[in-house]
């Protein structure tokens, strides 16, 4: 099934017939048939970028953000939104993100261990 994102290249029998590689290339068909995604160029660009320092930085940034979304879903129970409509979802998400940021801020501001006070 072709959903419009795949182009099919169909070789000519005049080209494939006399070719010495036909038995290895397409032994059971008269000509070669090759599906080709219209997004193949974008995939090639992504493959070329993989492994570069910029890609690794981007990957680490995405990982951090995905962890924040996982925290929202699991800890703050945001797996399913309760308010209806786009504005309700926006408001609910804004409140959850605010709560998440306040938790981060509290960790930065408050000391990790309570300090003992000595009264004389």
PDB file of N, CA and C in Angstrom:
ATOM      1  N   UNK A   1       0.849  -1.190   0.000  1.00  0.00           N
ATOM      2  CA  UNK A   1       0.000   0.000   0.000  1.00  0.00           C
ATOM      3  C   UNK A   1       0.888   1.246   0.000  1.00  0.00           C
ATOM      4  N   UNK A   2       0.611   2.157  -0.880  1.00  0.00           N
ATOM      5  CA  UNK A   2       1.382   3.384  -1.001  1.00  0.00           C
ATOM      6  C   UNK A   2       0.527   4.534  -0.484  1.00  0.00           C
ATOM      7  N   UNK A   3       0.995   5.193   0.578  1.00  0.00           N
ATOM      8  CA  UNK A   3       0.229   6.284   1.179  1.00  0.00           C
ATOM      9  C   UNK A   3       0.619   7.647   0.622  1.00  0.00           C
ATOM     10  N   UNK A   4       1.325   7.681  -0.479  1.00  0.00           N
ATOM     11  CA  UNK A   4       1.725   8.937  -1.089  1.00  0.00           C
ATOM     12  C   UNK A   4       3.106   9.394  -0.686  1.00  0.00           C
ATOM     13  N   UNK A   5       3.746   8.704   0.239  1.00  0.00           N
ATOM     14  CA  UNK A   5       5.088   9.094   0.669  1.00  0.00           C
ATOM     15  C   UNK A   5       6.171   8.227   0.032  1.00  0.00           C
ATOM     16  N   UNK A   6       5.771   7.261  -0.779  1.00  0.00           N
ATOM     17  CA  UNK A   6       6.738   6.369  -1.412  1.00  0.00           C
ATOM     18  C   UNK A   6       6.563   6.418  -2.922  1.00  0.00           C
ATOM     19  N   UNK A   7       7.661   6.602  -3.603  1.00  0.00           N
ATOM     20  CA  UNK A   7       7.667   6.524  -5.068  1.00  0.00           C
ATOM     21  C   UNK A   7       8.249   5.182  -5.462  1.00  0.00           C
ATOM     22  N   UNK A   8       7.705   4.598  -6.506  1.00  0.00           N
ATOM     23  CA  UNK A   8       8.175   3.299  -6.965  1.00  0.00           C
ATOM     24  C   UNK A   8       8.929   3.503  -8.279  1.00  0.00           C
ATOM     25  N   UNK A   9      10.211   3.099  -8.279  1.00  0.00           N
ATOM     26  CA  UNK A   9      10.981   3.097  -9.518  1.00  0.00           C
ATOM     27  C   UNK A   9      10.827   1.725 -10.133  1.00  0.00           C
ATOM     28  N   UNK A  10      10.420   1.673 -11.373  1.00  0.00           N
ATOM     29  CA  UNK A  10      10.280   0.406 -12.088  1.00  0.00           C
ATOM     30  C   UNK A  10      11.237   0.428 -13.269  1.00  0.00           C
ATOM     31  N   UNK A  11      12.239  -0.445 -13.202  1.00  0.00           N
ATOM     32  CA  UNK A  11      13.224  -0.503 -14.276  1.00  0.00           C
ATOM     33  C   UNK A  11      12.618  -1.057 -15.558  1.00  0.00           C
ATOM     34  N   UNK A  12      13.264  -0.795 -16.641  1.00  0.00           N
ATOM     35  CA  UNK A  12      12.794  -1.259 -17.938  1.00  0.00           C
ATOM     36  C   UNK A  12      13.309  -2.677 -18.195  1.00  0.00           C
ATOM     37  N   UNK A  13      12.480  -3.499 -18.843  1.00  0.00           N
ATOM     38  CA  UNK A  13      12.941  -4.846 -19.203  1.00  0.00           C
ATOM     39  C   UNK A  13      14.054  -4.771 -20.240  1.00  0.00           C
ATOM     40  N   UNK A  14      14.086  -3.710 -21.014  1.00  0.00           N
ATOM     41  CA  UNK A  14      15.170  -3.533 -21.997  1.00  0.00           C
ATOM     42  C   UNK A  14      16.499  -3.270 -21.286  1.00  0.00           C
ATOM     43  N   UNK A  15      16.442  -2.599 -20.118  1.00  0.00           N
ATOM     44  CA  UNK A  15      17.657  -2.347 -19.348  1.00  0.00           C
ATOM     45  C   UNK A  15      18.046  -3.555 -18.503  1.00  0.00           C
ATOM     46  N   UNK A  16      17.057  -4.196 -17.871  1.00  0.00           N
ATOM     47  CA  UNK A  16      17.347  -5.291 -16.953  1.00  0.00           C
ATOM     48  C   UNK A  16      17.669  -6.605 -17.663  1.00  0.00           C
ATOM     49  N   UNK A  17      17.038  -6.849 -18.811  1.00  0.00           N
ATOM     50  CA  UNK A  17      17.215  -8.120 -19.524  1.00  0.00           C
ATOM     51  C   UNK A  17      18.663  -8.453 -19.855  1.00  0.00           C
ATOM     52  N   UNK A  18      19.389  -7.562 -20.550  1.00  0.00           N
ATOM     53  CA  UNK A  18      20.771  -7.895 -20.924  1.00  0.00           C
ATOM     54  C   UNK A  18      21.806  -7.673 -19.805  1.00  0.00           C
ATOM     55  N   UNK A  19      21.395  -7.162 -18.666  1.00  0.00           N
ATOM     56  CA  UNK A  19      22.338  -6.839 -17.596  1.00  0.00           C
ATOM     57  C   UNK A  19      22.942  -8.119 -17.014  1.00  0.00           C
ATOM     58  N   UNK A  20      24.269  -8.166 -16.825  1.00  0.00           N
ATOM     59  CA  UNK A  20      24.904  -9.375 -16.268  1.00  0.00           C
ATOM     60  C   UNK A  20      24.584  -9.590 -14.781  1.00  0.00           C
ATOM     61  N   UNK A  21      24.087  -8.569 -14.086  1.00  0.00           N
ATOM     62  CA  UNK A  21      23.768  -8.702 -12.669  1.00  0.00           C
ATOM     63  C   UNK A  21      22.299  -9.040 -12.404  1.00  0.00           C
ATOM     64  N   UNK A  22      21.529  -9.263 -13.466  1.00  0.00           N
ATOM     65  CA  UNK A  22      20.094  -9.484 -13.310  1.00  0.00           C
ATOM     66  C   UNK A  22      19.787 -10.669 -12.410  1.00  0.00           C
ATOM     67  N   UNK A  23      20.521 -11.754 -12.514  1.00  0.00           N
ATOM     68  CA  UNK A  23      20.238 -12.945 -11.703  1.00  0.00           C
ATOM     69  C   UNK A  23      20.399 -12.669 -10.208  1.00  0.00           C
ATOM     70  N   UNK A  24      21.285 -11.773  -9.839  1.00  0.00           N
ATOM     71  CA  UNK A  24      21.444 -11.409  -8.426  1.00  0.00           C
ATOM     72  C   UNK A  24      20.503 -10.269  -8.019  1.00  0.00           C
ATOM     73  N   UNK A  25      20.196  -9.420  -8.953  1.00  0.00           N
ATOM     74  CA  UNK A  25      19.402  -8.219  -8.659  1.00  0.00           C
ATOM     75  C   UNK A  25      17.907  -8.531  -8.577  1.00  0.00           C
ATOM     76  N   UNK A  26      17.365  -9.103  -9.614  1.00  0.00           N
ATOM     77  CA  UNK A  26      15.926  -9.392  -9.655  1.00  0.00           C
ATOM     78  C   UNK A  26      15.682 -10.685 -10.431  1.00  0.00           C
ATOM     79  N   UNK A  27      15.978 -11.828  -9.810  1.00  0.00           N
ATOM     80  CA  UNK A  27      15.898 -13.087 -10.545  1.00  0.00           C
ATOM     81  C   UNK A  27      14.470 -13.535 -10.865  1.00  0.00           C
ATOM     82  N   UNK A  28      13.488 -13.163 -10.060  1.00  0.00           N
ATOM     83  CA  UNK A  28      12.120 -13.648 -10.243  1.00  0.00           C
ATOM     84  C   UNK A  28      11.190 -12.658 -10.931  1.00  0.00           C
ATOM     85  N   UNK A  29      11.700 -11.502 -11.309  1.00  0.00           N
ATOM     86  CA  UNK A  29      10.869 -10.496 -11.973  1.00  0.00           C
ATOM     87  C   UNK A  29      11.555 -10.054 -13.259  1.00  0.00           C
ATOM     88  N   UNK A  30      10.789  -9.579 -14.216  1.00  0.00           N
ATOM     89  CA  UNK A  30      11.402  -9.148 -15.478  1.00  0.00           C
ATOM     90  C   UNK A  30      12.226  -7.863 -15.352  1.00  0.00           C
ATOM     91  N   UNK A  31      11.893  -7.018 -14.357  1.00  0.00           N
ATOM     92  CA  UNK A  31      12.618  -5.756 -14.192  1.00  0.00           C
ATOM     93  C   UNK A  31      12.683  -5.415 -12.702  1.00  0.00           C
ATOM     94  N   UNK A  32      13.584  -4.543 -12.382  1.00  0.00           N
ATOM     95  CA  UNK A  32      13.797  -4.137 -10.988  1.00  0.00           C
ATOM     96  C   UNK A  32      12.714  -3.178 -10.537  1.00  0.00           C
ATOM     97  N   UNK A  33      12.222  -3.362  -9.301  1.00  0.00           N
ATOM     98  CA  UNK A  33      11.216  -2.488  -8.709  1.00  0.00           C
ATOM     99  C   UNK A  33      11.793  -2.009  -7.381  1.00  0.00           C
ATOM    100  N   UNK A  34      11.976  -0.681  -7.239  1.00  0.00           N
ATOM    101  CA  UNK A  34      12.611  -0.126  -6.048  1.00  0.00           C
ATOM    102  C   UNK A  34      11.704   0.925  -5.432  1.00  0.00           C
ATOM    103  N   UNK A  35      11.241   0.693  -4.180  1.00  0.00           N
ATOM    104  CA  UNK A  35      10.480   1.742  -3.482  1.00  0.00           C
ATOM    105  C   UNK A  35      11.455   2.791  -2.943  1.00  0.00           C
ATOM    106  N   UNK A  36      11.074   4.056  -3.049  1.00  0.00           N
ATOM    107  CA  UNK A  36      11.940   5.160  -2.624  1.00  0.00           C
ATOM    108  C   UNK A  36      11.075   6.180  -1.887  1.00  0.00           C
ATOM    109  N   UNK A  37      11.396   6.432  -0.622  1.00  0.00           N
ATOM    110  CA  UNK A  37      10.628   7.386   0.172  1.00  0.00           C
ATOM    111  C   UNK A  37      10.916   8.812  -0.300  1.00  0.00           C
ATOM    112  N   UNK A  38       9.890   9.653  -0.262  1.00  0.00           N
ATOM    113  CA  UNK A  38      10.103  11.054  -0.633  1.00  0.00           C
ATOM    114  C   UNK A  38      10.892  11.788   0.447  1.00  0.00           C
ATOM    115  N   UNK A  39      11.043  11.153   1.628  1.00  0.00           N
ATOM    116  CA  UNK A  39      11.789  11.753   2.726  1.00  0.00           C
ATOM    117  C   UNK A  39      13.228  11.248   2.801  1.00  0.00           C
ATOM    118  N   UNK A  40      13.675  10.529   1.795  1.00  0.00           N
ATOM    119  CA  UNK A  40      15.012   9.929   1.840  1.00  0.00           C
ATOM    120  C   UNK A  40      16.115  10.990   1.943  1.00  0.00           C
ATOM    121  N   UNK A  41      15.943  12.117   1.296  1.00  0.00           N
ATOM    122  CA  UNK A  41      16.959  13.174   1.380  1.00  0.00           C
ATOM    123  C   UNK A  41      17.114  13.660   2.829  1.00  0.00           C
ATOM    124  N   UNK A  42      15.990  13.862   3.510  1.00  0.00           N
ATOM    125  CA  UNK A  42      16.044  14.293   4.912  1.00  0.00           C
ATOM    126  C   UNK A  42      16.717  13.224   5.775  1.00  0.00           C
ATOM    127  N   UNK A  43      16.451  11.962   5.483  1.00  0.00           N
ATOM    128  CA  UNK A  43      17.098  10.878   6.233  1.00  0.00           C
ATOM    129  C   UNK A  43      18.601  10.876   6.010  1.00  0.00           C
ATOM    130  N   UNK A  44      19.023  11.133   4.791  1.00  0.00           N
ATOM    131  CA  UNK A  44      20.464  11.185   4.495  1.00  0.00           C
ATOM    132  C   UNK A  44      21.132  12.328   5.251  1.00  0.00           C
ATOM    133  N   UNK A  45      20.467  13.476   5.324  1.00  0.00           N
ATOM    134  CA  UNK A  45      21.004  14.614   6.073  1.00  0.00           C
ATOM    135  C   UNK A  45      21.125  14.249   7.550  1.00  0.00           C
ATOM    136  N   UNK A  46      20.100  13.591   8.098  1.00  0.00           N
ATOM    137  CA  UNK A  46      20.130  13.190   9.510  1.00  0.00           C
ATOM    138  C   UNK A  46      21.241  12.172   9.765  1.00  0.00           C
ATOM    139  N   UNK A  47      21.426  11.228   8.858  1.00  0.00           N
ATOM    140  CA  UNK A  47      22.508  10.250   9.013  1.00  0.00           C
ATOM    141  C   UNK A  47      23.869  10.915   8.984  1.00  0.00           C
ATOM    142  N   UNK A  48      24.012  11.949   8.142  1.00  0.00           N
ATOM    143  CA  UNK A  48      25.295  12.650   8.055  1.00  0.00           C
ATOM    144  C   UNK A  48      25.586  13.434   9.334  1.00  0.00           C
ATOM    145  N   UNK A  49      24.544  13.940   9.978  1.00  0.00           N
ATOM    146  CA  UNK A  49      24.731  14.724  11.204  1.00  0.00           C
ATOM    147  C   UNK A  49      24.978  13.844  12.433  1.00  0.00           C
ATOM    148  N   UNK A  50      24.510  12.610  12.396  1.00  0.00           N
ATOM    149  CA  UNK A  50      24.650  11.723  13.560  1.00  0.00           C
ATOM    150  C   UNK A  50      26.127  11.529  13.883  1.00  0.00           C
ATOM    151  N   UNK A  51      26.446  11.635  15.159  1.00  0.00           N
ATOM    152  CA  UNK A  51      27.828  11.448  15.594  1.00  0.00           C
ATOM    153  C   UNK A  51      28.638  12.726  15.684  1.00  0.00           C
ATOM    154  N   UNK A  52      28.121  13.821  15.172  1.00  0.00           N
ATOM    155  CA  UNK A  52      28.848  15.084  15.264  1.00  0.00           C
ATOM    156  C   UNK A  52      28.667  15.668  16.668  1.00  0.00           C
ATOM    157  N   UNK A  53      29.567  16.539  17.117  1.00  0.00           N
ATOM    158  CA  UNK A  53      29.419  17.147  18.455  1.00  0.00           C
ATOM    159  C   UNK A  53      28.104  17.922  18.617  1.00  0.00           C
ATOM    160  N   UNK A  54      27.670  18.604  17.577  1.00  0.00           N
ATOM    161  CA  UNK A  54      26.410  19.351  17.665  1.00  0.00           C
ATOM    162  C   UNK A  54      25.237  18.392  17.851  1.00  0.00           C
ATOM    163  N   UNK A  55      25.272  17.253  17.183  1.00  0.00           N
ATOM    164  CA  UNK A  55      24.216  16.263  17.321  1.00  0.00           C
ATOM    165  C   UNK A  55      24.187  15.718  18.751  1.00  0.00           C
ATOM    166  N   UNK A  56      25.357  15.443  19.314  1.00  0.00           N
ATOM    167  CA  UNK A  56      25.419  14.913  20.681  1.00  0.00           C
ATOM    168  C   UNK A  56      24.877  15.923  21.691  1.00  0.00           C
ATOM    169  N   UNK A  57      25.196  17.223  21.492  1.00  0.00           N
ATOM    170  CA  UNK A  57      24.652  18.254  22.384  1.00  0.00           C
ATOM    171  C   UNK A  57      23.127  18.305  22.270  1.00  0.00           C
ATOM    172  N   UNK A  58      22.636  18.247  21.043  1.00  0.00           N
ATOM    173  CA  UNK A  58      21.196  18.274  20.811  1.00  0.00           C
ATOM    174  C   UNK A  58      20.532  17.053  21.441  1.00  0.00           C
ATOM    175  N   UNK A  59      21.177  15.923  21.328  1.00  0.00           N
ATOM    176  CA  UNK A  59      20.639  14.683  21.895  1.00  0.00           C
ATOM    177  C   UNK A  59      20.549  14.782  23.421  1.00  0.00           C
ATOM    178  N   UNK A  60      21.578  15.334  24.043  1.00  0.00           N
ATOM    179  CA  UNK A  60      21.554  15.504  25.495  1.00  0.00           C
ATOM    180  C   UNK A  60      20.444  16.473  25.914  1.00  0.00           C
ATOM    181  N   UNK A  61      20.260  17.546  25.139  1.00  0.00           N
ATOM    182  CA  UNK A  61      19.188  18.497  25.438  1.00  0.00           C
ATOM    183  C   UNK A  61      17.817  17.858  25.320  1.00  0.00           C
ATOM    184  N   UNK A  62      17.618  17.053  24.273  1.00  0.00           N
ATOM    185  CA  UNK A  62      16.339  16.362  24.112  1.00  0.00           C
ATOM    186  C   UNK A  62      16.102  15.383  25.256  1.00  0.00           C
ATOM    187  N   UNK A  63      17.172  14.718  25.693  1.00  0.00           N
ATOM    188  CA  UNK A  63      17.038  13.759  26.791  1.00  0.00           C
ATOM    189  C   UNK A  63      16.574  14.466  28.064  1.00  0.00           C
ATOM    190  N   UNK A  64      17.137  15.644  28.330  1.00  0.00           N
ATOM    191  CA  UNK A  64      16.744  16.404  29.519  1.00  0.00           C
ATOM    192  C   UNK A  64      15.270  16.801  29.463  1.00  0.00           C
ATOM    193  N   UNK A  65      14.832  17.241  28.301  1.00  0.00           N
ATOM    194  CA  UNK A  65      13.439  17.669  28.155  1.00  0.00           C
ATOM    195  C   UNK A  65      12.499  16.477  28.244  1.00  0.00           C
ATOM    196  N   UNK A  66      12.890  15.354  27.648  1.00  0.00           N
ATOM    197  CA  UNK A  66      12.052  14.156  27.730  1.00  0.00           C
ATOM    198  C   UNK A  66      11.922  13.689  29.172  1.00  0.00           C
ATOM    199  N   UNK A  67      12.980  13.854  29.963  1.00  0.00           N
ATOM    200  CA  UNK A  67      12.912  13.488  31.379  1.00  0.00           C
ATOM    201  C   UNK A  67      11.902  14.374  32.117  1.00  0.00           C
ATOM    202  N   UNK A  68      11.840  15.644  31.742  1.00  0.00           N
ATOM    203  CA  UNK A  68      10.866  16.547  32.362  1.00  0.00           C
ATOM    204  C   UNK A  68       9.437  16.117  32.031  1.00  0.00           C
ATOM    205  N   UNK A  69       9.206  15.720  30.776  1.00  0.00           N
ATOM    206  CA  UNK A  69       7.874  15.252  30.395  1.00  0.00           C
ATOM    207  C   UNK A  69       7.532  13.950  31.119  1.00  0.00           C
ATOM    208  N   UNK A  70       8.513  13.068  31.259  1.00  0.00           N
ATOM    209  CA  UNK A  70       8.274  11.811  31.982  1.00  0.00           C
ATOM    210  C   UNK A  70       7.924  12.108  33.433  1.00  0.00           C
ATOM    211  N   UNK A  71       8.599  13.087  34.033  1.00  0.00           N
ATOM    212  CA  UNK A  71       8.294  13.470  35.412  1.00  0.00           C
ATOM    213  C   UNK A  71       6.876  14.019  35.512  1.00  0.00           C
ATOM    214  N   UNK A  72       6.491  14.851  34.558  1.00  0.00           N
ATOM    215  CA  UNK A  72       5.126  15.383  34.561  1.00  0.00           C
ATOM    216  C   UNK A  72       4.102  14.258  34.488  1.00  0.00           C
ATOM    217  N   UNK A  73       4.366  13.264  33.645  1.00  0.00           N
ATOM    218  CA  UNK A  73       3.407  12.187  33.460  1.00  0.00           C
ATOM    219  C   UNK A  73       3.330  11.271  34.674  1.00  0.00           C
ATOM    220  N   UNK A  74       4.485  10.907  35.227  1.00  0.00           N
ATOM    221  CA  UNK A  74       4.481   9.917  36.305  1.00  0.00           C
ATOM    222  C   UNK A  74       4.257  10.525  37.681  1.00  0.00           C
ATOM    223  N   UNK A  75       5.065  11.507  38.041  1.00  0.00           N
ATOM    224  CA  UNK A  75       5.030  12.043  39.395  1.00  0.00           C
ATOM    225  C   UNK A  75       3.835  12.985  39.585  1.00  0.00           C
ATOM    226  N   UNK A  76       3.628  13.883  38.641  1.00  0.00           N
ATOM    227  CA  UNK A  76       2.538  14.855  38.765  1.00  0.00           C
ATOM    228  C   UNK A  76       1.229  14.366  38.144  1.00  0.00           C
ATOM    229  N   UNK A  77       1.203  13.106  37.736  1.00  0.00           N
ATOM    230  CA  UNK A  77      -0.011  12.449  37.214  1.00  0.00           C
ATOM    231  C   UNK A  77      -0.621  13.198  36.027  1.00  0.00           C
ATOM    232  N   UNK A  78       0.241  13.621  35.090  1.00  0.00           N
ATOM    233  CA  UNK A  78      -0.234  14.344  33.915  1.00  0.00           C
ATOM    234  C   UNK A  78      -0.361  13.421  32.699  1.00  0.00           C
ATOM    235  N   UNK A  79      -0.515  12.130  32.928  1.00  0.00           N
ATOM    236  CA  UNK A  79      -0.674  11.199  31.821  1.00  0.00           C
ATOM    237  C   UNK A  79      -1.927  11.491  31.020  1.00  0.00           C
ATOM    238  N   UNK A  80      -2.914  12.030  31.702  1.00  0.00           N
ATOM    239  CA  UNK A  80      -4.178  12.371  31.032  1.00  0.00           C
ATOM    240  C   UNK A  80      -4.634  13.735  31.543  1.00  0.00           C
ATOM    241  N   UNK A  81      -4.983  14.613  30.631  1.00  0.00           N
ATOM    242  CA  UNK A  81      -5.434  15.945  31.025  1.00  0.00           C
ATOM    243  C   UNK A  81      -6.896  15.883  31.470  1.00  0.00           C
ATOM    244  N   UNK A  82      -7.228  16.667  32.477  1.00  0.00           N
ATOM    245  CA  UNK A  82      -8.566  16.636  33.031  1.00  0.00           C
ATOM    246  C   UNK A  82      -9.446  17.779  32.530  1.00  0.00           C
ATOM    247  N   UNK A  83      -8.839  18.886  32.153  1.00  0.00           N
ATOM    248  CA  UNK A  83      -9.611  20.025  31.655  1.00  0.00           C
ATOM    249  C   UNK A  83      -9.842  19.876  30.165  1.00  0.00           C
ATOM    250  N   UNK A  84     -10.961  20.360  29.703  1.00  0.00           N
ATOM    251  CA  UNK A  84     -11.325  20.190  28.292  1.00  0.00           C
ATOM    252  C   UNK A  84     -10.885  21.369  27.441  1.00  0.00           C
ATOM    253  N   UNK A  85     -10.722  21.088  26.175  1.00  0.00           N
ATOM    254  CA  UNK A  85     -10.411  22.120  25.200  1.00  0.00           C
ATOM    255  C   UNK A  85      -8.953  22.522  25.224  1.00  0.00           C
ATOM    256  N   UNK A  86      -8.534  23.214  24.178  1.00  0.00           N
ATOM    257  CA  UNK A  86      -7.125  23.599  24.101  1.00  0.00           C
ATOM    258  C   UNK A  86      -6.708  24.560  25.211  1.00  0.00           C
ATOM    259  N   UNK A  87      -7.609  25.452  25.608  1.00  0.00           N
ATOM    260  CA  UNK A  87      -7.254  26.401  26.668  1.00  0.00           C
ATOM    261  C   UNK A  87      -7.181  25.701  28.020  1.00  0.00           C
ATOM    262  N   UNK A  88      -8.074  24.752  28.255  1.00  0.00           N
ATOM    263  CA  UNK A  88      -8.012  23.988  29.490  1.00  0.00           C
ATOM    264  C   UNK A  88      -6.722  23.184  29.575  1.00  0.00           C
ATOM    265  N   UNK A  89      -6.334  22.544  28.461  1.00  0.00           N
ATOM    266  CA  UNK A  89      -5.089  21.780  28.429  1.00  0.00           C
ATOM    267  C   UNK A  89      -3.894  22.710  28.630  1.00  0.00           C
ATOM    268  N   UNK A  90      -3.932  23.869  28.018  1.00  0.00           N
ATOM    269  CA  UNK A  90      -2.846  24.845  28.170  1.00  0.00           C
ATOM    270  C   UNK A  90      -2.724  25.297  29.617  1.00  0.00           C
ATOM    271  N   UNK A  91      -3.862  25.593  30.243  1.00  0.00           N
ATOM    272  CA  UNK A  91      -3.843  26.030  31.641  1.00  0.00           C
ATOM    273  C   UNK A  91      -3.332  24.925  32.558  1.00  0.00           C
ATOM    274  N   UNK A  92      -3.796  23.699  32.344  1.00  0.00           N
ATOM    275  CA  UNK A  92      -3.379  22.590  33.179  1.00  0.00           C
ATOM    276  C   UNK A  92      -1.879  22.318  33.030  1.00  0.00           C
ATOM    277  N   UNK A  93      -1.411  22.376  31.803  1.00  0.00           N
ATOM    278  CA  UNK A  93       0.012  22.143  31.569  1.00  0.00           C
ATOM    279  C   UNK A  93       0.848  23.273  32.161  1.00  0.00           C
ATOM    280  N   UNK A  94       0.372  24.496  32.050  1.00  0.00           N
ATOM    281  CA  UNK A  94       1.090  25.637  32.629  1.00  0.00           C
ATOM    282  C   UNK A  94       1.206  25.505  34.148  1.00  0.00           C
ATOM    283  N   UNK A  95       0.138  25.071  34.801  1.00  0.00           N
ATOM    284  CA  UNK A  95       0.187  24.866  36.249  1.00  0.00           C
ATOM    285  C   UNK A  95       1.165  23.759  36.624  1.00  0.00           C
ATOM    286  N   UNK A  96       1.155  22.682  35.855  1.00  0.00           N
ATOM    287  CA  UNK A  96       2.071  21.567  36.146  1.00  0.00           C
ATOM    288  C   UNK A  96       3.523  21.990  35.929  1.00  0.00           C
ATOM    289  N   UNK A  97       3.785  22.733  34.857  1.00  0.00           N
ATOM    290  CA  UNK A  97       5.150  23.197  34.586  1.00  0.00           C
ATOM    291  C   UNK A  97       5.595  24.179  35.666  1.00  0.00           C
ATOM    292  N   UNK A  98       4.673  25.012  36.153  1.00  0.00           N
ATOM    293  CA  UNK A  98       5.001  25.937  37.237  1.00  0.00           C
ATOM    294  C   UNK A  98       5.359  25.165  38.502  1.00  0.00           C
ATOM    295  N   UNK A  99       4.582  24.135  38.802  1.00  0.00           N
ATOM    296  CA  UNK A  99       4.888  23.309  39.975  1.00  0.00           C
ATOM    297  C   UNK A  99       6.253  22.646  39.830  1.00  0.00           C
ATOM    298  N   UNK A 100       6.540  22.185  38.642  1.00  0.00           N
ATOM    299  CA  UNK A 100       7.840  21.557  38.389  1.00  0.00           C
ATOM    300  C   UNK A 100       8.979  22.560  38.576  1.00  0.00           C
ATOM    301  N   UNK A 101       8.806  23.755  38.079  1.00  0.00           N
ATOM    302  CA  UNK A 101       9.842  24.781  38.226  1.00  0.00           C
ATOM    303  C   UNK A 101       9.998  25.216  39.682  1.00  0.00           C
ATOM    304  N   UNK A 102       8.904  25.271  40.428  1.00  0.00           N
ATOM    305  CA  UNK A 102       8.996  25.623  41.850  1.00  0.00           C
ATOM    306  C   UNK A 102       9.751  24.546  42.629  1.00  0.00           C
ATOM    307  N   UNK A 103       9.555  23.294  42.272  1.00  0.00           N
ATOM    308  CA  UNK A 103      10.316  22.217  42.921  1.00  0.00           C
ATOM    309  C   UNK A 103      11.807  22.378  42.656  1.00  0.00           C
ATOM    310  N   UNK A 104      12.158  22.696  41.411  1.00  0.00           N
ATOM    311  CA  UNK A 104      13.568  22.919  41.059  1.00  0.00           C
ATOM    312  C   UNK A 104      14.137  24.107  41.841  1.00  0.00           C
ATOM    313  N   UNK A 105      13.368  25.178  41.893  1.00  0.00           N
ATOM    314  CA  UNK A 105      13.806  26.381  42.604  1.00  0.00           C
ATOM    315  C   UNK A 105      14.008  26.092  44.085  1.00  0.00           C
ATOM    316  N   UNK A 106      13.120  25.324  44.687  1.00  0.00           N
ATOM    317  CA  UNK A 106      13.249  24.979  46.099  1.00  0.00           C
ATOM    318  C   UNK A 106      14.524  24.181  46.350  1.00  0.00           C
ATOM    319  N   UNK A 107      14.883  23.316  45.440  1.00  0.00           N
ATOM    320  CA  UNK A 107      16.116  22.545  45.592  1.00  0.00           C
ATOM    321  C   UNK A 107      17.345  23.444  45.491  1.00  0.00           C
ATOM    322  N   UNK A 108      17.267  24.484  44.673  1.00  0.00           N
ATOM    323  CA  UNK A 108      18.405  25.397  44.528  1.00  0.00           C
ATOM    324  C   UNK A 108      18.539  26.330  45.728  1.00  0.00           C
ATOM    325  N   UNK A 109      17.416  26.782  46.275  1.00  0.00           N
ATOM    326  CA  UNK A 109      17.434  27.781  47.336  1.00  0.00           C
ATOM    327  C   UNK A 109      17.678  27.156  48.705  1.00  0.00           C
ATOM    328  N   UNK A 110      16.997  26.050  48.994  1.00  0.00           N
ATOM    329  CA  UNK A 110      17.109  25.428  50.306  1.00  0.00           C
ATOM    330  C   UNK A 110      18.382  24.600  50.399  1.00  0.00           C
ATOM    331  N   UNK A 111      19.046  24.635  51.556  1.00  0.00           N
ATOM    332  CA  UNK A 111      20.235  23.795  51.714  1.00  0.00           C
ATOM    333  C   UNK A 111      19.840  22.315  51.744  1.00  0.00           C
ATOM    334  N   UNK A 112      20.784  21.462  51.356  1.00  0.00           N
ATOM    335  CA  UNK A 112      20.473  20.042  51.301  1.00  0.00           C
ATOM    336  C   UNK A 112      20.337  19.428  52.691  1.00  0.00           C
ATOM    337  N   UNK A 113      21.140  19.877  53.657  1.00  0.00           N
ATOM    338  CA  UNK A 113      21.049  19.371  55.019  1.00  0.00           C
ATOM    339  C   UNK A 113      20.666  20.526  55.943  1.00  0.00           C
ATOM    340  N   UNK A 114      19.736  20.294  56.863  1.00  0.00           N
ATOM    341  CA  UNK A 114      19.380  21.371  57.790  1.00  0.00           C
ATOM    342  C   UNK A 114      20.572  21.681  58.701  1.00  0.00           C
ATOM    343  N   UNK A 115      20.808  22.979  58.895  1.00  0.00           N
ATOM    344  CA  UNK A 115      21.928  23.386  59.741  1.00  0.00           C
ATOM    345  C   UNK A 115      21.463  23.471  61.180  1.00  0.00           C
ATOM    346  N   UNK A 116      22.323  23.006  62.067  1.00  0.00           N
ATOM    347  CA  UNK A 116      22.026  23.036  63.500  1.00  0.00           C
ATOM    348  C   UNK A 116      22.302  24.450  64.030  1.00  0.00           C
ATOM    349  N   UNK A 117      21.377  24.992  64.784  1.00  0.00           N
ATOM    350  CA  UNK A 117      21.588  26.311  65.386  1.00  0.00           C
ATOM    351  C   UNK A 117      21.949  26.112  66.856  1.00  0.00           C
ATOM    352  N   UNK A 118      22.938  26.786  67.309  1.00  0.00           N
ATOM    353  CA  UNK A 118      23.382  26.708  68.703  1.00  0.00           C
ATOM    354  C   UNK A 118      22.918  27.952  69.436  1.00  0.00           C
ATOM    355  N   UNK A 119      22.102  27.726  70.413  1.00  0.00           N
ATOM    356  CA  UNK A 119      21.638  28.865  71.214  1.00  0.00           C
ATOM    357  C   UNK A 119      22.463  28.930  72.491  1.00  0.00           C
ATOM    358  N   UNK A 120      22.928  30.089  72.831  1.00  0.00           N
ATOM    359  CA  UNK A 120      23.774  30.249  74.027  1.00  0.00           C
ATOM    360  C   UNK A 120      23.010  30.836  75.170  1.00  0.00           C
TER     361      UNK A 120
END
